[in-house]
PDB file of N, CA and C in Angstrom:
ATOM      1  N   MET A   1      89.227-126.490-154.817  1.00  0.00           N
ATOM      2  CA  MET A   1      90.333-127.077-154.101  1.00  0.00           C
ATOM      3  C   MET A   1      89.898-127.349-152.667  1.00  0.00           C
ATOM      4  N   PHE A   2      90.259-128.493-152.149  1.00  0.00           N
ATOM      5  CA  PHE A   2      89.844-128.914-150.817  1.00  0.00           C
ATOM      6  C   PHE A   2      91.024-128.799-149.865  1.00  0.00           C
ATOM      7  N   TYR A   3      90.845-128.066-148.783  1.00  0.00           N
ATOM      8  CA  TYR A   3      91.922-127.864-147.808  1.00  0.00           C
ATOM      9  C   TYR A   3      91.714-128.783-146.611  1.00  0.00           C
ATOM     10  N   LEU A   4      92.678-129.633-146.351  1.00  0.00           N
ATOM     11  CA  LEU A   4      92.584-130.556-145.229  1.00  0.00           C
ATOM     12  C   LEU A   4      92.779-129.848-143.898  1.00  0.00           C
ATOM     13  N   ASP A   5      93.385-128.670-143.900  1.00  0.00           N
ATOM     14  CA  ASP A   5      93.562-127.937-142.656  1.00  0.00           C
ATOM     15  C   ASP A   5      92.227-127.500-142.065  1.00  0.00           C
ATOM     16  N   LEU A   6      91.221-127.301-142.906  1.00  0.00           N
ATOM     17  CA  LEU A   6      89.912-126.888-142.408  1.00  0.00           C
ATOM     18  C   LEU A   6      89.228-127.998-141.621  1.00  0.00           C
ATOM     19  N   LEU A   7      89.607-129.241-141.874  1.00  0.00           N
ATOM     20  CA  LEU A   7      89.024-130.349-141.132  1.00  0.00           C
ATOM     21  C   LEU A   7      89.510-130.387-139.691  1.00  0.00           C
ATOM     22  N   ALA A   8      90.628-129.779-139.406  1.00  0.00           N
ATOM     23  CA  ALA A   8      91.190-129.781-138.058  1.00  0.00           C
ATOM     24  C   ALA A   8      90.574-128.699-137.175  1.00  0.00           C
ATOM     25  N   VAL A   9      89.794-127.815-137.745  1.00  0.00           N
ATOM     26  CA  VAL A   9      89.177-126.747-136.968  1.00  0.00           C
ATOM     27  C   VAL A   9      87.999-127.321-136.195  1.00  0.00           C
ATOM     28  N   VAL A  10      88.042-127.185-134.883  1.00  0.00           N
ATOM     29  CA  VAL A  10      86.985-127.704-134.021  1.00  0.00           C
ATOM     30  C   VAL A  10      86.381-126.528-133.262  1.00  0.00           C
ATOM     31  N   PRO A  11      85.072-126.358-133.335  1.00  0.00           N
ATOM     32  CA  PRO A  11      84.465-125.246-132.599  1.00  0.00           C
ATOM     33  C   PRO A  11      84.506-125.490-131.097  1.00  0.00           C
ATOM     34  N   ARG A  12      84.483-124.406-130.349  1.00  0.00           N
ATOM     35  CA  ARG A  12      84.480-124.503-128.897  1.00  0.00           C
ATOM     36  C   ARG A  12      83.105-124.957-128.441  1.00  0.00           C
ATOM     37  N   THR A  13      83.054-126.081-127.753  1.00  0.00           N
ATOM     38  CA  THR A  13      81.796-126.571-127.204  1.00  0.00           C
ATOM     39  C   THR A  13      81.934-126.638-125.690  1.00  0.00           C
ATOM     40  N   PRO A  14      80.941-126.150-124.982  1.00  0.00           N
ATOM     41  CA  PRO A  14      81.047-126.146-123.520  1.00  0.00           C
ATOM     42  C   PRO A  14      80.866-127.538-122.938  1.00  0.00           C
ATOM     43  N   GLU A  15      81.514-127.769-121.807  1.00  0.00           N
ATOM     44  CA  GLU A  15      81.306-129.023-121.100  1.00  0.00           C
ATOM     45  C   GLU A  15      79.973-128.952-120.367  1.00  0.00           C
ATOM     46  N   TRP A  16      79.476-130.108-119.969  1.00  0.00           N
ATOM     47  CA  TRP A  16      78.209-130.133-119.267  1.00  0.00           C
ATOM     48  C   TRP A  16      78.360-129.429-117.929  1.00  0.00           C
ATOM     49  N   SER A  17      77.396-128.598-117.612  1.00  0.00           N
ATOM     50  CA  SER A  17      77.355-127.933-116.316  1.00  0.00           C
ATOM     51  C   SER A  17      75.901-127.669-115.972  1.00  0.00           C
ATOM     52  N   LEU A  18      75.683-127.111-114.810  1.00  0.00           N
ATOM     53  CA  LEU A  18      74.323-126.787-114.395  1.00  0.00           C
ATOM     54  C   LEU A  18      73.729-125.722-115.306  1.00  0.00           C
ATOM     55  N   THR A  19      74.560-124.823-115.812  1.00  0.00           N
ATOM     56  CA  THR A  19      74.083-123.774-116.720  1.00  0.00           C
ATOM     57  C   THR A  19      73.580-124.369-118.026  1.00  0.00           C
ATOM     58  N   THR A  20      74.332-125.290-118.608  1.00  0.00           N
ATOM     59  CA  THR A  20      73.892-125.895-119.868  1.00  0.00           C
ATOM     60  C   THR A  20      72.634-126.734-119.663  1.00  0.00           C
ATOM     61  N   ALA A  21      72.538-127.407-118.524  1.00  0.00           N
ATOM     62  CA  ALA A  21      71.340-128.190-118.238  1.00  0.00           C
ATOM     63  C   ALA A  21      70.130-127.282-118.066  1.00  0.00           C
ATOM     64  N   LEU A  22      70.300-126.161-117.400  1.00  0.00           N
ATOM     65  CA  LEU A  22      69.205-125.215-117.194  1.00  0.00           C
ATOM     66  C   LEU A  22      68.734-124.624-118.518  1.00  0.00           C
ATOM     67  N   ILE A  23      69.670-124.323-119.405  1.00  0.00           N
ATOM     68  CA  ILE A  23      69.311-123.804-120.729  1.00  0.00           C
ATOM     69  C   ILE A  23      68.508-124.848-121.501  1.00  0.00           C
ATOM     70  N   MET A  24      68.909-126.118-121.417  1.00  0.00           N
ATOM     71  CA  MET A  24      68.196-127.184-122.121  1.00  0.00           C
ATOM     72  C   MET A  24      66.799-127.387-121.540  1.00  0.00           C
ATOM     73  N   VAL A  25      66.657-127.315-120.239  1.00  0.00           N
ATOM     74  CA  VAL A  25      65.342-127.472-119.606  1.00  0.00           C
ATOM     75  C   VAL A  25      64.414-126.337-120.019  1.00  0.00           C
ATOM     76  N   ILE A  26      64.931-125.112-120.012  1.00  0.00           N
ATOM     77  CA  ILE A  26      64.125-123.957-120.417  1.00  0.00           C
ATOM     78  C   ILE A  26      63.725-124.064-121.889  1.00  0.00           C
ATOM     79  N   ALA A  27      64.645-124.501-122.733  1.00  0.00           N
ATOM     80  CA  ALA A  27      64.334-124.652-124.158  1.00  0.00           C
ATOM     81  C   ALA A  27      63.248-125.706-124.368  1.00  0.00           C
ATOM     82  N   ASN A  28      63.302-126.797-123.613  1.00  0.00           N
ATOM     83  CA  ASN A  28      62.271-127.831-123.736  1.00  0.00           C
ATOM     84  C   ASN A  28      60.927-127.336-123.226  1.00  0.00           C
ATOM     85  N   ALA A  29      60.932-126.561-122.155  1.00  0.00           N
ATOM     86  CA  ALA A  29      59.673-126.007-121.642  1.00  0.00           C
ATOM     87  C   ALA A  29      59.048-125.053-122.653  1.00  0.00           C
ATOM     88  N   ILE A  30      59.875-124.237-123.290  1.00  0.00           N
ATOM     89  CA  ILE A  30      59.374-123.323-124.322  1.00  0.00           C
ATOM     90  C   ILE A  30      58.820-124.104-125.502  1.00  0.00           C
ATOM     91  N   ALA A  31      59.512-125.169-125.908  1.00  0.00           N
ATOM     92  CA  ALA A  31      59.044-125.979-127.039  1.00  0.00           C
ATOM     93  C   ALA A  31      57.721-126.671-126.719  1.00  0.00           C
ATOM     94  N   ILE A  32      57.552-127.155-125.505  1.00  0.00           N
ATOM     95  CA  ILE A  32      56.293-127.795-125.128  1.00  0.00           C
ATOM     96  C   ILE A  32      55.174-126.763-125.088  1.00  0.00           C
ATOM     97  N   ALA A  33      55.468-125.561-124.615  1.00  0.00           N
ATOM     98  CA  ALA A  33      54.456-124.492-124.612  1.00  0.00           C
ATOM     99  C   ALA A  33      54.055-124.115-126.038  1.00  0.00           C
ATOM    100  N   ILE A  34      55.022-124.048-126.930  1.00  0.00           N
ATOM    101  CA  ILE A  34      54.716-123.751-128.337  1.00  0.00           C
ATOM    102  C   ILE A  34      53.893-124.887-128.946  1.00  0.00           C
ATOM    103  N   ALA A  35      54.252-126.124-128.619  1.00  0.00           N
ATOM    104  CA  ALA A  35      53.558-127.285-129.188  1.00  0.00           C
ATOM    105  C   ALA A  35      52.112-127.365-128.728  1.00  0.00           C
ATOM    106  N   ARG A  36      51.824-126.885-127.533  1.00  0.00           N
ATOM    107  CA  ARG A  36      50.446-126.885-127.036  1.00  0.00           C
ATOM    108  C   ARG A  36      49.512-126.142-127.986  1.00  0.00           C
ATOM    109  N   PHE A  37      50.018-125.065-128.572  1.00  0.00           N
ATOM    110  CA  PHE A  37      49.196-124.248-129.457  1.00  0.00           C
ATOM    111  C   PHE A  37      49.399-124.579-130.935  1.00  0.00           C
ATOM    112  N   ALA A  38      50.543-125.140-131.285  1.00  0.00           N
ATOM    113  CA  ALA A  38      50.878-125.329-132.695  1.00  0.00           C
ATOM    114  C   ALA A  38      50.433-126.673-133.264  1.00  0.00           C
ATOM    115  N   ILE A  39      50.390-127.722-132.446  1.00  0.00           N
ATOM    116  CA  ILE A  39      50.032-129.043-132.955  1.00  0.00           C
ATOM    117  C   ILE A  39      48.531-129.077-133.200  1.00  0.00           C
ATOM    118  N   GLN A  40      48.157-129.458-134.421  1.00  0.00           N
ATOM    119  CA  GLN A  40      46.754-129.413-134.808  1.00  0.00           C
ATOM    120  C   GLN A  40      45.931-130.537-134.187  1.00  0.00           C
ATOM    121  N   GLN A  41      46.511-131.708-134.023  1.00  0.00           N
ATOM    122  CA  GLN A  41      45.796-132.832-133.413  1.00  0.00           C
ATOM    123  C   GLN A  41      46.636-133.379-132.256  1.00  0.00           C
ATOM    124  N   PRO A  42      46.633-132.712-131.102  1.00  0.00           N
ATOM    125  CA  PRO A  42      47.506-133.125-130.005  1.00  0.00           C
ATOM    126  C   PRO A  42      47.044-134.381-129.279  1.00  0.00           C
ATOM    127  N   ASN A  43      45.833-134.859-129.557  1.00  0.00           N
ATOM    128  CA  ASN A  43      45.330-136.007-128.815  1.00  0.00           C
ATOM    129  C   ASN A  43      45.311-137.294-129.634  1.00  0.00           C
ATOM    130  N   VAL A  44      46.079-137.383-130.703  1.00  0.00           N
ATOM    131  CA  VAL A  44      46.160-138.605-131.506  1.00  0.00           C
ATOM    132  C   VAL A  44      47.199-139.514-130.861  1.00  0.00           C
ATOM    133  N   GLY A  45      46.791-140.707-130.508  1.00  0.00           N
ATOM    134  CA  GLY A  45      47.681-141.635-129.830  1.00  0.00           C
ATOM    135  C   GLY A  45      47.378-141.671-128.349  1.00  0.00           C
ATOM    136  N   PRO A  46      48.181-142.430-127.597  1.00  0.00           N
ATOM    137  CA  PRO A  46      47.936-142.515-126.153  1.00  0.00           C
ATOM    138  C   PRO A  46      48.175-141.162-125.477  1.00  0.00           C
ATOM    139  N   THR A  47      47.215-140.757-124.661  1.00  0.00           N
ATOM    140  CA  THR A  47      47.335-139.448-124.012  1.00  0.00           C
ATOM    141  C   THR A  47      48.204-139.553-122.770  1.00  0.00           C
ATOM    142  N   LEU A  48      48.866-138.456-122.477  1.00  0.00           N
ATOM    143  CA  LEU A  48      49.771-138.422-121.338  1.00  0.00           C
ATOM    144  C   LEU A  48      49.297-137.409-120.303  1.00  0.00           C
ATOM    145  N   ILE A  49      49.181-136.167-120.714  1.00  0.00           N
ATOM    146  CA  ILE A  49      48.763-135.098-119.811  1.00  0.00           C
ATOM    147  C   ILE A  49      47.558-134.419-120.445  1.00  0.00           C
ATOM    148  N   GLY A  50      46.380-134.615-119.881  1.00  0.00           N
ATOM    149  CA  GLY A  50      45.187-134.008-120.442  1.00  0.00           C
ATOM    150  C   GLY A  50      44.933-134.515-121.841  1.00  0.00           C
ATOM    151  N   ASP A  51      44.976-133.623-122.809  1.00  0.00           N
ATOM    152  CA  ASP A  51      44.781-134.035-124.204  1.00  0.00           C
ATOM    153  C   ASP A  51      46.084-133.974-124.994  1.00  0.00           C
ATOM    154  N   PHE A  52      47.219-133.998-124.313  1.00  0.00           N
ATOM    155  CA  PHE A  52      48.531-133.955-124.953  1.00  0.00           C
ATOM    156  C   PHE A  52      49.062-135.378-125.026  1.00  0.00           C
ATOM    157  N   SER A  53      49.245-135.909-126.237  1.00  0.00           N
ATOM    158  CA  SER A  53      49.610-137.316-126.409  1.00  0.00           C
ATOM    159  C   SER A  53      51.123-137.531-126.323  1.00  0.00           C
ATOM    160  N   VAL A  54      51.488-138.797-126.222  1.00  0.00           N
ATOM    161  CA  VAL A  54      52.901-139.182-126.158  1.00  0.00           C
ATOM    162  C   VAL A  54      53.653-138.775-127.426  1.00  0.00           C
ATOM    163  N   PRO A  55      53.111-139.022-128.643  1.00  0.00           N
ATOM    164  CA  PRO A  55      53.824-138.576-129.839  1.00  0.00           C
ATOM    165  C   PRO A  55      53.999-137.059-129.900  1.00  0.00           C
ATOM    166  N   ALA A  56      53.014-136.314-129.420  1.00  0.00           N
ATOM    167  CA  ALA A  56      53.135-134.855-129.401  1.00  0.00           C
ATOM    168  C   ALA A  56      54.223-134.418-128.430  1.00  0.00           C
ATOM    169  N   LEU A  57      54.307-135.085-127.273  1.00  0.00           N
ATOM    170  CA  LEU A  57      55.343-134.749-126.293  1.00  0.00           C
ATOM    171  C   LEU A  57      56.735-135.093-126.820  1.00  0.00           C
ATOM    172  N   ILE A  58      56.864-136.224-127.484  1.00  0.00           N
ATOM    173  CA  ILE A  58      58.169-136.607-128.047  1.00  0.00           C
ATOM    174  C   ILE A  58      58.593-135.629-129.138  1.00  0.00           C
ATOM    175  N   GLY A  59      57.652-135.234-129.982  1.00  0.00           N
ATOM    176  CA  GLY A  59      57.966-134.251-131.018  1.00  0.00           C
ATOM    177  C   GLY A  59      58.361-132.907-130.431  1.00  0.00           C
ATOM    178  N   ALA A  60      57.655-132.480-129.386  1.00  0.00           N
ATOM    179  CA  ALA A  60      57.982-131.210-128.741  1.00  0.00           C
ATOM    180  C   ALA A  60      59.343-131.276-128.058  1.00  0.00           C
ATOM    181  N   ALA A  61      59.653-132.425-127.446  1.00  0.00           N
ATOM    182  CA  ALA A  61      60.958-132.575-126.793  1.00  0.00           C
ATOM    183  C   ALA A  61      62.096-132.589-127.817  1.00  0.00           C
ATOM    184  N   CYS A  62      61.871-133.192-128.970  1.00  0.00           N
ATOM    185  CA  CYS A  62      62.881-133.170-130.033  1.00  0.00           C
ATOM    186  C   CYS A  62      63.134-131.732-130.489  1.00  0.00           C
ATOM    187  N   PHE A  63      62.048-130.987-130.688  1.00  0.00           N
ATOM    188  CA  PHE A  63      62.179-129.585-131.078  1.00  0.00           C
ATOM    189  C   PHE A  63      62.873-128.789-129.977  1.00  0.00           C
ATOM    190  N   GLY A  64      62.571-129.092-128.728  1.00  0.00           N
ATOM    191  CA  GLY A  64      63.226-128.417-127.609  1.00  0.00           C
ATOM    192  C   GLY A  64      64.712-128.687-127.550  1.00  0.00           C
ATOM    193  N   HIS A  65      65.109-129.905-127.880  1.00  0.00           N
ATOM    194  CA  HIS A  65      66.541-130.211-127.895  1.00  0.00           C
ATOM    195  C   HIS A  65      67.255-129.489-129.038  1.00  0.00           C
ATOM    196  N   VAL A  66      66.580-129.330-130.160  1.00  0.00           N
ATOM    197  CA  VAL A  66      67.180-128.553-131.259  1.00  0.00           C
ATOM    198  C   VAL A  66      67.342-127.095-130.828  1.00  0.00           C
ATOM    199  N   LEU A  67      66.302-126.535-130.204  1.00  0.00           N
ATOM    200  CA  LEU A  67      66.399-125.159-129.708  1.00  0.00           C
ATOM    201  C   LEU A  67      67.496-125.023-128.652  1.00  0.00           C
ATOM    202  N   GLY A  68      67.541-125.975-127.727  1.00  0.00           N
ATOM    203  CA  GLY A  68      68.533-125.928-126.659  1.00  0.00           C
ATOM    204  C   GLY A  68      69.959-126.060-127.161  1.00  0.00           C
ATOM    205  N   THR A  69      70.157-126.945-128.125  1.00  0.00           N
ATOM    206  CA  THR A  69      71.494-127.115-128.697  1.00  0.00           C
ATOM    207  C   THR A  69      71.948-125.838-129.386  1.00  0.00           C
ATOM    208  N   GLY A  70      71.046-125.233-130.145  1.00  0.00           N
ATOM    209  CA  GLY A  70      71.384-123.969-130.799  1.00  0.00           C
ATOM    210  C   GLY A  70      71.685-122.864-129.805  1.00  0.00           C
ATOM    211  N   ALA A  71      70.893-122.807-128.736  1.00  0.00           N
ATOM    212  CA  ALA A  71      71.121-121.772-127.725  1.00  0.00           C
ATOM    213  C   ALA A  71      72.442-121.983-126.999  1.00  0.00           C
ATOM    214  N   ILE A  72      72.747-123.221-126.633  1.00  0.00           N
ATOM    215  CA  ILE A  72      73.989-123.512-125.907  1.00  0.00           C
ATOM    216  C   ILE A  72      75.198-123.232-126.789  1.00  0.00           C
ATOM    217  N   LEU A  73      75.170-123.688-128.034  1.00  0.00           N
ATOM    218  CA  LEU A  73      76.306-123.444-128.926  1.00  0.00           C
ATOM    219  C   LEU A  73      76.448-121.964-129.263  1.00  0.00           C
ATOM    220  N   GLY A  74      75.317-121.277-129.435  1.00  0.00           N
ATOM    221  CA  GLY A  74      75.373-119.841-129.722  1.00  0.00           C
ATOM    222  C   GLY A  74      75.923-119.038-128.565  1.00  0.00           C
ATOM    223  N   LEU A  75      75.445-119.344-127.354  1.00  0.00           N
ATOM    224  CA  LEU A  75      75.936-118.627-126.172  1.00  0.00           C
ATOM    225  C   LEU A  75      77.403-118.962-125.875  1.00  0.00           C
ATOM    226  N   ALA A  76      77.813-120.199-126.163  1.00  0.00           N
ATOM    227  CA  ALA A  76      79.224-120.557-125.977  1.00  0.00           C
ATOM    228  C   ALA A  76      80.100-119.827-126.984  1.00  0.00           C
ATOM    229  N   ASN A  77      79.604-119.692-128.206  1.00  0.00           N
ATOM    230  CA  ASN A  77      80.371-118.974-129.227  1.00  0.00           C
ATOM    231  C   ASN A  77      80.514-117.498-128.883  1.00  0.00           C
ATOM    232  N   LEU A  78      79.485-116.935-128.248  1.00  0.00           N
ATOM    233  CA  LEU A  78      79.564-115.535-127.827  1.00  0.00           C
ATOM    234  C   LEU A  78      80.395-115.340-126.567  1.00  0.00           C
ATOM    235  N   GLY A  79      80.693-116.429-125.888  1.00  0.00           N
ATOM    236  CA  GLY A  79      81.486-116.349-124.666  1.00  0.00           C
ATOM    237  C   GLY A  79      80.669-116.082-123.424  1.00  0.00           C
ATOM    238  N   VAL A  80      79.356-116.227-123.511  1.00  0.00           N
ATOM    239  CA  VAL A  80      78.497-115.984-122.362  1.00  0.00           C
ATOM    240  C   VAL A  80      78.583-117.136-121.363  1.00  0.00           C
ATOM    241  N   ILE A  81      78.610-118.366-121.893  1.00  0.00           N
ATOM    242  CA  ILE A  81      78.746-119.530-120.989  1.00  0.00           C
ATOM    243  C   ILE A  81      80.039-120.243-121.266  1.00  0.00           C
TER     244      ILE A  81
END
């Protein structure tokens, strides 16, 4: 049985603030640091910083945004931010 009342439930999401931006920046920095060691061929494609290529940076930033979104939503759910 499908309950339409469950569709009206909206989770609490924080508005943009300096705290949420700082969490996202930190998450992206952590993801780029992880990508430095985890990507097997970081220099395939046009290089950007040393031997770290543009596709590697874009992939790391995507992963950082996933980490940041999870951290922001998790901390908002706990009531920390």
